[in-house]
Amino acid sequence: MDEKERIEREALTFFLRLYNRKKGTKYRFLRKRERPDFEIVERASRKVVGVEVSHIFHDKKEAMMFMGRDPSTVHGIISAEDNVKVLVDILRKKAEKVRHYPYRGPIILVIRDYSQTFDLRTLFGFKMGLKVPRSDYREVWYLSRSRPVKRWDELVRLR
């Protein structure tokens, strides 16, 4: 399993735990695929849903630092506005890409934010001008860590 697939599977695991708790469902991993990244299935109804996973890094340097490919311990200044701009850009790109997926079932988009600085209260507690573009995703979710514990336990539906 390559690094990209490993972090996507990890994000899916956190998402399913929080989603099932929030929705009272029992979705579980069904299979890895391409476009969308995964399929999940609900145990009782056997309903299958595609899941596309994406990650937010402020820039390539931050991603490389997180992946252990850059030995730096300090990154440039990142503002909450910058983080929201990156989120909006990802949402826009994913909205365009999903139109061309060969998948015919419903698809959920999960965006996992690796920010060490910002959490949900920072990004969504203020009016940051977040506009989620229209897309063919059935649902769009934002996954982040709580502070100060830094566990992957914050899940918010964006659309």
N, C-alpha and C. Protein backbone atom coordinates (compact mmCIF):
# COMPACT_ATOMS: atom_id res chain seq x y z
N MET A 1 0.85 -1.17 0.00
CA MET A 1 0.00 0.00 0.00
C MET A 1 0.90 1.24 0.00
N ASP A 2 0.68 2.14 -0.95
CA ASP A 2 1.50 3.34 -1.00
C ASP A 2 1.02 4.37 0.04
N GLU A 3 1.81 5.41 0.20
CA GLU A 3 1.55 6.42 1.22
C GLU A 3 0.21 7.13 1.01
N LYS A 4 -0.10 7.45 -0.23
CA LYS A 4 -1.36 8.14 -0.54
C LYS A 4 -2.54 7.27 -0.13
N GLU A 5 -2.50 6.01 -0.49
CA GLU A 5 -3.60 5.11 -0.12
C GLU A 5 -3.68 4.94 1.39
N ARG A 6 -2.54 4.89 2.06
CA ARG A 6 -2.54 4.74 3.51
C ARG A 6 -3.25 5.91 4.19
N ILE A 7 -2.94 7.14 3.77
CA ILE A 7 -3.57 8.29 4.44
C ILE A 7 -5.04 8.43 4.03
N GLU A 8 -5.39 7.98 2.83
CA GLU A 8 -6.80 7.99 2.43
C GLU A 8 -7.59 6.98 3.26
N ARG A 9 -7.03 5.78 3.45
CA ARG A 9 -7.72 4.76 4.26
C ARG A 9 -7.86 5.22 5.72
N GLU A 10 -6.82 5.86 6.22
CA GLU A 10 -6.87 6.39 7.58
C GLU A 10 -7.99 7.43 7.70
N ALA A 11 -8.08 8.33 6.73
CA ALA A 11 -9.14 9.34 6.74
C ALA A 11 -10.51 8.68 6.68
N LEU A 12 -10.65 7.65 5.84
CA LEU A 12 -11.92 6.93 5.73
C LEU A 12 -12.30 6.30 7.06
N THR A 13 -11.34 5.72 7.74
CA THR A 13 -11.61 5.10 9.05
C THR A 13 -12.15 6.12 10.04
N PHE A 14 -11.48 7.27 10.14
CA PHE A 14 -11.95 8.33 11.06
C PHE A 14 -13.33 8.82 10.63
N PHE A 15 -13.50 9.03 9.33
CA PHE A 15 -14.79 9.51 8.82
C PHE A 15 -15.91 8.54 9.17
N LEU A 16 -15.72 7.24 8.89
CA LEU A 16 -16.78 6.27 9.15
C LEU A 16 -17.16 6.21 10.62
N ARG A 17 -16.17 6.27 11.50
CA ARG A 17 -16.46 6.24 12.93
C ARG A 17 -17.35 7.43 13.32
N LEU A 18 -16.99 8.61 12.87
CA LEU A 18 -17.75 9.82 13.22
C LEU A 18 -19.09 9.90 12.49
N TYR A 19 -19.10 9.54 11.22
CA TYR A 19 -20.32 9.58 10.41
C TYR A 19 -21.36 8.62 10.98
N ASN A 20 -20.94 7.38 11.25
CA ASN A 20 -21.89 6.40 11.80
C ASN A 20 -22.45 6.85 13.14
N ARG A 21 -21.62 7.43 13.96
CA ARG A 21 -22.07 7.93 15.26
C ARG A 21 -23.07 9.07 15.07
N LYS A 22 -22.76 9.98 14.18
CA LYS A 22 -23.61 11.16 13.93
C LYS A 22 -24.94 10.78 13.30
N LYS A 23 -24.91 9.84 12.35
CA LYS A 23 -26.10 9.49 11.57
C LYS A 23 -26.84 8.27 12.10
N GLY A 24 -26.24 7.54 13.03
CA GLY A 24 -26.87 6.32 13.53
C GLY A 24 -26.87 5.21 12.49
N THR A 25 -25.86 5.20 11.64
CA THR A 25 -25.74 4.17 10.60
C THR A 25 -24.62 3.21 10.95
N LYS A 26 -24.47 2.19 10.11
CA LYS A 26 -23.40 1.22 10.30
C LYS A 26 -22.69 0.96 8.97
N TYR A 27 -22.19 2.04 8.38
CA TYR A 27 -21.41 1.88 7.15
C TYR A 27 -20.06 1.29 7.49
N ARG A 28 -19.52 0.50 6.56
CA ARG A 28 -18.19 -0.07 6.72
C ARG A 28 -17.51 -0.09 5.36
N PHE A 29 -16.21 -0.24 5.38
CA PHE A 29 -15.41 -0.31 4.16
C PHE A 29 -15.84 -1.50 3.33
N LEU A 30 -16.01 -1.29 2.03
CA LEU A 30 -16.34 -2.38 1.12
C LEU A 30 -15.16 -2.69 0.21
N ARG A 31 -14.67 -1.67 -0.51
CA ARG A 31 -13.53 -1.90 -1.41
C ARG A 31 -12.85 -0.59 -1.77
N LYS A 32 -11.57 -0.74 -2.12
CA LYS A 32 -10.78 0.35 -2.66
C LYS A 32 -11.05 0.40 -4.15
N ARG A 33 -11.11 1.59 -4.70
CA ARG A 33 -11.32 1.75 -6.12
C ARG A 33 -10.74 3.09 -6.57
N GLU A 34 -10.91 3.43 -7.80
CA GLU A 34 -10.50 4.74 -8.31
C GLU A 34 -11.76 5.49 -8.72
N ARG A 35 -11.78 6.75 -8.43
CA ARG A 35 -12.87 7.64 -8.86
C ARG A 35 -14.24 7.08 -8.59
N PRO A 36 -14.77 7.09 -7.43
CA PRO A 36 -14.21 7.59 -6.18
C PRO A 36 -13.21 6.61 -5.56
N ASP A 37 -12.57 7.07 -4.50
CA ASP A 37 -11.48 6.30 -3.87
C ASP A 37 -11.94 5.00 -3.22
N PHE A 38 -13.16 5.00 -2.67
CA PHE A 38 -13.65 3.84 -1.92
C PHE A 38 -15.13 3.63 -2.16
N GLU A 39 -15.58 2.44 -1.81
CA GLU A 39 -17.00 2.16 -1.66
C GLU A 39 -17.21 1.69 -0.24
N ILE A 40 -18.31 2.16 0.34
CA ILE A 40 -18.70 1.72 1.67
C ILE A 40 -20.10 1.11 1.55
N VAL A 41 -20.43 0.27 2.50
CA VAL A 41 -21.74 -0.38 2.46
C VAL A 41 -22.36 -0.31 3.85
N GLU A 42 -23.67 -0.06 3.89
CA GLU A 42 -24.41 -0.02 5.15
C GLU A 42 -24.81 -1.44 5.47
N ARG A 43 -24.51 -1.89 6.68
CA ARG A 43 -24.72 -3.30 7.03
C ARG A 43 -26.15 -3.77 6.89
N ALA A 44 -27.11 -3.00 7.39
CA ALA A 44 -28.50 -3.46 7.37
C ALA A 44 -29.13 -3.36 5.99
N SER A 45 -29.00 -2.21 5.35
CA SER A 45 -29.69 -1.98 4.07
C SER A 45 -28.88 -2.47 2.87
N ARG A 46 -27.58 -2.71 3.05
CA ARG A 46 -26.66 -3.11 1.98
C ARG A 46 -26.50 -2.01 0.93
N LYS A 47 -26.87 -0.79 1.30
CA LYS A 47 -26.73 0.36 0.40
C LYS A 47 -25.24 0.68 0.22
N VAL A 48 -24.82 0.81 -1.03
CA VAL A 48 -23.42 1.09 -1.36
C VAL A 48 -23.29 2.55 -1.77
N VAL A 49 -22.26 3.21 -1.23
CA VAL A 49 -22.00 4.62 -1.49
C VAL A 49 -20.51 4.78 -1.80
N GLY A 50 -20.20 5.61 -2.77
CA GLY A 50 -18.81 5.93 -3.07
C GLY A 50 -18.31 7.03 -2.15
N VAL A 51 -17.02 6.99 -1.83
CA VAL A 51 -16.41 8.03 -0.99
C VAL A 51 -15.13 8.50 -1.66
N GLU A 52 -15.07 9.80 -1.89
CA GLU A 52 -13.86 10.45 -2.41
C GLU A 52 -13.20 11.15 -1.23
N VAL A 53 -11.90 10.93 -1.05
CA VAL A 53 -11.17 11.52 0.07
C VAL A 53 -10.15 12.51 -0.47
N SER A 54 -10.10 13.68 0.13
CA SER A 54 -9.12 14.69 -0.23
C SER A 54 -8.52 15.25 1.05
N HIS A 55 -7.34 15.84 0.93
CA HIS A 55 -6.65 16.38 2.10
C HIS A 55 -6.27 17.84 1.87
N ILE A 56 -6.31 18.61 2.93
CA ILE A 56 -5.89 20.01 2.87
C ILE A 56 -4.52 20.14 3.52
N PHE A 57 -3.60 20.63 2.72
CA PHE A 57 -2.31 21.09 3.20
C PHE A 57 -2.21 22.52 2.68
N HIS A 58 -1.63 23.41 3.45
CA HIS A 58 -1.53 24.80 3.02
C HIS A 58 -0.78 24.90 1.70
N ASP A 59 0.28 24.14 1.58
CA ASP A 59 1.06 24.14 0.34
C ASP A 59 1.89 22.86 0.28
N LYS A 60 2.65 22.73 -0.77
CA LYS A 60 3.44 21.51 -0.98
C LYS A 60 4.46 21.29 0.13
N LYS A 61 5.07 22.37 0.64
CA LYS A 61 6.06 22.23 1.70
C LYS A 61 5.43 21.63 2.96
N GLU A 62 4.26 22.11 3.33
CA GLU A 62 3.58 21.57 4.51
C GLU A 62 3.28 20.08 4.32
N ALA A 63 2.82 19.71 3.13
CA ALA A 63 2.53 18.30 2.84
C ALA A 63 3.80 17.47 2.95
N MET A 64 4.89 17.97 2.40
CA MET A 64 6.15 17.23 2.46
C MET A 64 6.66 17.11 3.90
N MET A 65 6.49 18.15 4.70
CA MET A 65 6.89 18.08 6.10
C MET A 65 6.08 17.01 6.83
N PHE A 66 4.76 17.00 6.60
CA PHE A 66 3.90 16.02 7.25
C PHE A 66 4.28 14.60 6.86
N MET A 67 4.59 14.40 5.60
CA MET A 67 4.92 13.06 5.10
C MET A 67 6.35 12.64 5.43
N GLY A 68 7.10 13.54 6.09
CA GLY A 68 8.46 13.20 6.47
C GLY A 68 9.46 13.34 5.34
N ARG A 69 9.09 14.05 4.30
CA ARG A 69 9.97 14.23 3.15
C ARG A 69 10.73 15.55 3.19
N ASP A 70 10.42 16.37 4.19
CA ASP A 70 11.11 17.65 4.37
C ASP A 70 11.44 17.73 5.86
N PRO A 71 12.74 17.86 6.20
CA PRO A 71 13.14 17.84 7.61
C PRO A 71 12.83 19.13 8.36
N SER A 72 12.28 20.14 7.71
CA SER A 72 11.97 21.41 8.37
C SER A 72 11.01 21.19 9.53
N THR A 73 11.13 22.03 10.52
CA THR A 73 10.19 21.97 11.64
C THR A 73 9.32 23.21 11.70
N VAL A 74 9.63 24.20 10.86
CA VAL A 74 8.87 25.44 10.84
C VAL A 74 8.36 25.68 9.43
N HIS A 75 7.13 26.11 9.35
CA HIS A 75 6.52 26.42 8.06
C HIS A 75 6.21 27.91 8.04
N GLY A 76 5.97 28.45 6.87
CA GLY A 76 5.64 29.87 6.73
C GLY A 76 4.34 30.23 7.44
N ILE A 77 4.06 31.49 7.49
CA ILE A 77 2.86 31.99 8.16
C ILE A 77 1.62 31.56 7.37
N ILE A 78 0.65 31.03 8.09
CA ILE A 78 -0.60 30.60 7.48
C ILE A 78 -1.73 31.29 8.25
N SER A 79 -2.59 31.97 7.54
CA SER A 79 -3.73 32.61 8.19
C SER A 79 -4.98 31.75 7.99
N ALA A 80 -6.00 32.00 8.80
CA ALA A 80 -7.26 31.28 8.65
C ALA A 80 -7.84 31.56 7.26
N GLU A 81 -7.68 32.79 6.78
CA GLU A 81 -8.17 33.13 5.44
C GLU A 81 -7.48 32.28 4.38
N ASP A 82 -6.16 32.09 4.53
CA ASP A 82 -5.42 31.25 3.59
C ASP A 82 -5.95 29.82 3.60
N ASN A 83 -6.21 29.30 4.80
CA ASN A 83 -6.68 27.93 4.92
C ASN A 83 -8.05 27.77 4.25
N VAL A 84 -8.92 28.75 4.43
CA VAL A 84 -10.23 28.70 3.79
C VAL A 84 -10.09 28.78 2.27
N LYS A 85 -9.16 29.60 1.78
CA LYS A 85 -8.93 29.69 0.33
C LYS A 85 -8.49 28.34 -0.24
N VAL A 86 -7.62 27.65 0.47
CA VAL A 86 -7.19 26.32 0.02
C VAL A 86 -8.38 25.37 0.02
N LEU A 87 -9.20 25.42 1.06
CA LEU A 87 -10.40 24.57 1.14
C LEU A 87 -11.34 24.85 -0.03
N VAL A 88 -11.61 26.11 -0.31
CA VAL A 88 -12.51 26.48 -1.41
C VAL A 88 -11.94 26.02 -2.75
N ASP A 89 -10.64 26.15 -2.93
CA ASP A 89 -10.01 25.71 -4.17
C ASP A 89 -10.17 24.19 -4.35
N ILE A 90 -9.97 23.44 -3.29
CA ILE A 90 -10.15 21.99 -3.36
C ILE A 90 -11.60 21.65 -3.68
N LEU A 91 -12.54 22.32 -3.02
CA LEU A 91 -13.96 22.07 -3.29
C LEU A 91 -14.30 22.34 -4.75
N ARG A 92 -13.77 23.41 -5.29
CA ARG A 92 -14.03 23.78 -6.68
C ARG A 92 -13.46 22.72 -7.64
N LYS A 93 -12.22 22.31 -7.39
CA LYS A 93 -11.58 21.30 -8.26
C LYS A 93 -12.31 19.96 -8.18
N LYS A 94 -12.68 19.55 -6.98
CA LYS A 94 -13.37 18.27 -6.80
C LYS A 94 -14.76 18.31 -7.45
N ALA A 95 -15.44 19.47 -7.39
CA ALA A 95 -16.76 19.60 -8.02
C ALA A 95 -16.65 19.41 -9.53
N GLU A 96 -15.59 19.90 -10.11
CA GLU A 96 -15.38 19.74 -11.56
C GLU A 96 -15.03 18.29 -11.90
N LYS A 97 -14.15 17.68 -11.12
CA LYS A 97 -13.69 16.31 -11.42
C LYS A 97 -14.80 15.27 -11.29
N VAL A 98 -15.68 15.43 -10.29
CA VAL A 98 -16.69 14.40 -10.04
C VAL A 98 -17.64 14.24 -11.23
N ARG A 99 -17.79 15.28 -12.01
CA ARG A 99 -18.67 15.20 -13.19
C ARG A 99 -18.22 14.14 -14.19
N HIS A 100 -16.94 13.84 -14.17
CA HIS A 100 -16.37 12.91 -15.15
C HIS A 100 -16.13 11.51 -14.59
N TYR A 101 -16.53 11.27 -13.35
CA TYR A 101 -16.36 9.95 -12.77
C TYR A 101 -17.30 8.96 -13.44
N PRO A 102 -16.84 7.75 -13.68
CA PRO A 102 -17.70 6.74 -14.30
C PRO A 102 -18.68 6.11 -13.30
N TYR A 103 -18.60 6.48 -12.04
CA TYR A 103 -19.42 5.90 -10.97
C TYR A 103 -20.85 6.40 -11.08
N ARG A 104 -21.81 5.53 -10.96
CA ARG A 104 -23.22 5.91 -11.13
C ARG A 104 -23.99 6.03 -9.82
N GLY A 105 -23.42 5.61 -8.72
CA GLY A 105 -24.12 5.70 -7.44
C GLY A 105 -23.82 7.02 -6.74
N PRO A 106 -24.41 7.22 -5.56
CA PRO A 106 -24.14 8.43 -4.80
C PRO A 106 -22.69 8.45 -4.30
N ILE A 107 -22.12 9.65 -4.23
CA ILE A 107 -20.74 9.82 -3.78
C ILE A 107 -20.69 10.87 -2.68
N ILE A 108 -19.93 10.57 -1.65
CA ILE A 108 -19.67 11.51 -0.56
C ILE A 108 -18.23 12.00 -0.69
N LEU A 109 -18.03 13.30 -0.51
CA LEU A 109 -16.69 13.88 -0.49
C LEU A 109 -16.29 14.14 0.96
N VAL A 110 -15.11 13.66 1.34
CA VAL A 110 -14.56 13.89 2.68
C VAL A 110 -13.26 14.67 2.50
N ILE A 111 -13.20 15.83 3.15
CA ILE A 111 -11.99 16.64 3.10
C ILE A 111 -11.38 16.65 4.50
N ARG A 112 -10.18 16.15 4.59
CA ARG A 112 -9.46 16.06 5.86
C ARG A 112 -8.43 17.19 5.91
N ASP A 113 -8.52 18.01 6.94
CA ASP A 113 -7.63 19.17 7.09
C ASP A 113 -6.50 18.85 8.06
N TYR A 114 -5.28 18.88 7.55
CA TYR A 114 -4.11 18.56 8.36
C TYR A 114 -3.57 19.74 9.16
N SER A 115 -4.22 20.87 9.11
CA SER A 115 -3.70 22.05 9.78
C SER A 115 -3.38 21.77 11.25
N GLN A 116 -2.19 22.16 11.64
CA GLN A 116 -1.80 22.06 13.05
C GLN A 116 -2.23 23.31 13.81
N THR A 117 -2.68 24.32 13.06
CA THR A 117 -2.99 25.62 13.65
C THR A 117 -4.48 25.85 13.85
N PHE A 118 -5.26 25.46 12.85
CA PHE A 118 -6.69 25.80 12.87
C PHE A 118 -7.56 24.60 13.13
N ASP A 119 -8.68 24.85 13.78
CA ASP A 119 -9.68 23.81 14.00
C ASP A 119 -11.02 24.36 13.54
N LEU A 120 -12.07 23.62 13.77
CA LEU A 120 -13.40 24.02 13.30
C LEU A 120 -13.83 25.37 13.86
N ARG A 121 -13.56 25.60 15.12
CA ARG A 121 -13.98 26.87 15.72
C ARG A 121 -13.30 28.05 15.06
N THR A 122 -12.04 27.88 14.68
CA THR A 122 -11.32 28.96 14.03
C THR A 122 -11.87 29.20 12.63
N LEU A 123 -12.03 28.13 11.87
CA LEU A 123 -12.43 28.28 10.48
C LEU A 123 -13.91 28.59 10.29
N PHE A 124 -14.76 28.03 11.14
CA PHE A 124 -16.19 28.21 10.94
C PHE A 124 -16.84 29.06 12.02
N GLY A 125 -16.10 29.42 13.04
CA GLY A 125 -16.63 30.28 14.09
C GLY A 125 -16.74 31.72 13.64
N PHE A 126 -15.99 32.08 12.66
CA PHE A 126 -16.01 33.42 12.09
C PHE A 126 -16.62 33.32 10.70
N LYS A 127 -17.08 34.41 10.19
CA LYS A 127 -17.60 34.43 8.83
C LYS A 127 -16.41 34.52 7.88
N MET A 128 -15.96 33.36 7.42
CA MET A 128 -14.77 33.30 6.57
C MET A 128 -15.13 33.35 5.09
N GLY A 129 -16.40 33.47 4.78
CA GLY A 129 -16.79 33.54 3.38
C GLY A 129 -16.72 32.21 2.65
N LEU A 130 -16.86 31.12 3.38
CA LEU A 130 -16.81 29.80 2.77
C LEU A 130 -18.07 29.57 1.95
N LYS A 131 -17.87 29.38 0.66
CA LYS A 131 -18.98 29.07 -0.24
C LYS A 131 -18.67 27.72 -0.89
N VAL A 132 -19.50 26.76 -0.59
CA VAL A 132 -19.31 25.41 -1.14
C VAL A 132 -19.96 25.38 -2.52
N PRO A 133 -19.15 25.13 -3.56
CA PRO A 133 -19.73 25.12 -4.91
C PRO A 133 -20.69 23.96 -5.12
N ARG A 134 -21.63 24.15 -6.02
CA ARG A 134 -22.55 23.07 -6.38
C ARG A 134 -21.74 21.94 -6.98
N SER A 135 -22.16 20.73 -6.71
CA SER A 135 -21.47 19.56 -7.26
C SER A 135 -22.41 18.38 -7.29
N ASP A 136 -21.92 17.29 -7.85
CA ASP A 136 -22.70 16.06 -7.91
C ASP A 136 -22.51 15.19 -6.66
N TYR A 137 -21.77 15.69 -5.68
CA TYR A 137 -21.61 14.92 -4.44
C TYR A 137 -22.91 14.95 -3.66
N ARG A 138 -23.30 13.80 -3.12
CA ARG A 138 -24.51 13.75 -2.30
C ARG A 138 -24.31 14.52 -1.00
N GLU A 139 -23.10 14.38 -0.43
CA GLU A 139 -22.76 15.08 0.80
C GLU A 139 -21.30 15.50 0.72
N VAL A 140 -20.97 16.59 1.41
CA VAL A 140 -19.59 17.05 1.52
C VAL A 140 -19.30 17.24 3.00
N TRP A 141 -18.23 16.59 3.49
CA TRP A 141 -17.88 16.61 4.91
C TRP A 141 -16.46 17.13 5.11
N TYR A 142 -16.27 17.82 6.23
CA TYR A 142 -14.97 18.39 6.61
C TYR A 142 -14.52 17.69 7.90
N LEU A 143 -13.35 17.06 7.86
CA LEU A 143 -12.81 16.30 8.98
C LEU A 143 -11.56 17.01 9.51
N SER A 144 -11.54 17.26 10.82
CA SER A 144 -10.36 17.90 11.41
C SER A 144 -10.15 17.41 12.83
N ARG A 145 -9.08 17.92 13.42
CA ARG A 145 -8.74 17.55 14.80
C ARG A 145 -9.26 18.60 15.77
N SER A 146 -9.64 18.14 16.95
CA SER A 146 -10.03 19.07 18.00
C SER A 146 -8.79 19.59 18.70
N ARG A 147 -8.91 20.67 19.37
CA ARG A 147 -7.82 21.25 20.15
C ARG A 147 -8.22 21.25 21.61
N PRO A 148 -7.38 21.06 22.53
CA PRO A 148 -5.95 20.85 22.41
C PRO A 148 -5.56 19.38 22.26
N VAL A 149 -6.53 18.48 22.28
CA VAL A 149 -6.23 17.04 22.27
C VAL A 149 -5.64 16.58 20.95
N LYS A 150 -6.07 17.17 19.86
CA LYS A 150 -5.59 16.86 18.52
C LYS A 150 -5.92 15.44 18.07
N ARG A 151 -7.14 15.02 18.39
CA ARG A 151 -7.65 13.75 17.87
C ARG A 151 -8.51 14.04 16.65
N TRP A 152 -8.60 13.10 15.73
CA TRP A 152 -9.47 13.27 14.56
C TRP A 152 -10.90 13.00 15.01
N ASP A 153 -11.53 14.03 15.56
CA ASP A 153 -12.86 13.83 16.11
C ASP A 153 -13.83 14.96 15.79
N GLU A 154 -13.51 15.78 14.81
CA GLU A 154 -14.39 16.87 14.40
C GLU A 154 -14.87 16.59 12.98
N LEU A 155 -16.18 16.49 12.81
CA LEU A 155 -16.75 16.24 11.50
C LEU A 155 -17.94 17.17 11.30
N VAL A 156 -17.89 17.96 10.23
CA VAL A 156 -18.94 18.93 9.94
C VAL A 156 -19.40 18.75 8.50
N ARG A 157 -20.69 18.75 8.32
CA ARG A 157 -21.23 18.65 6.97
C ARG A 157 -21.22 20.04 6.34
N LEU A 158 -20.57 20.15 5.19
CA LEU A 158 -20.52 21.42 4.48
C LEU A 158 -21.66 21.56 3.49
N ARG A 159 -22.15 20.42 3.01
CA ARG A 159 -23.27 20.43 2.07
C ARG A 159 -23.95 19.08 2.09
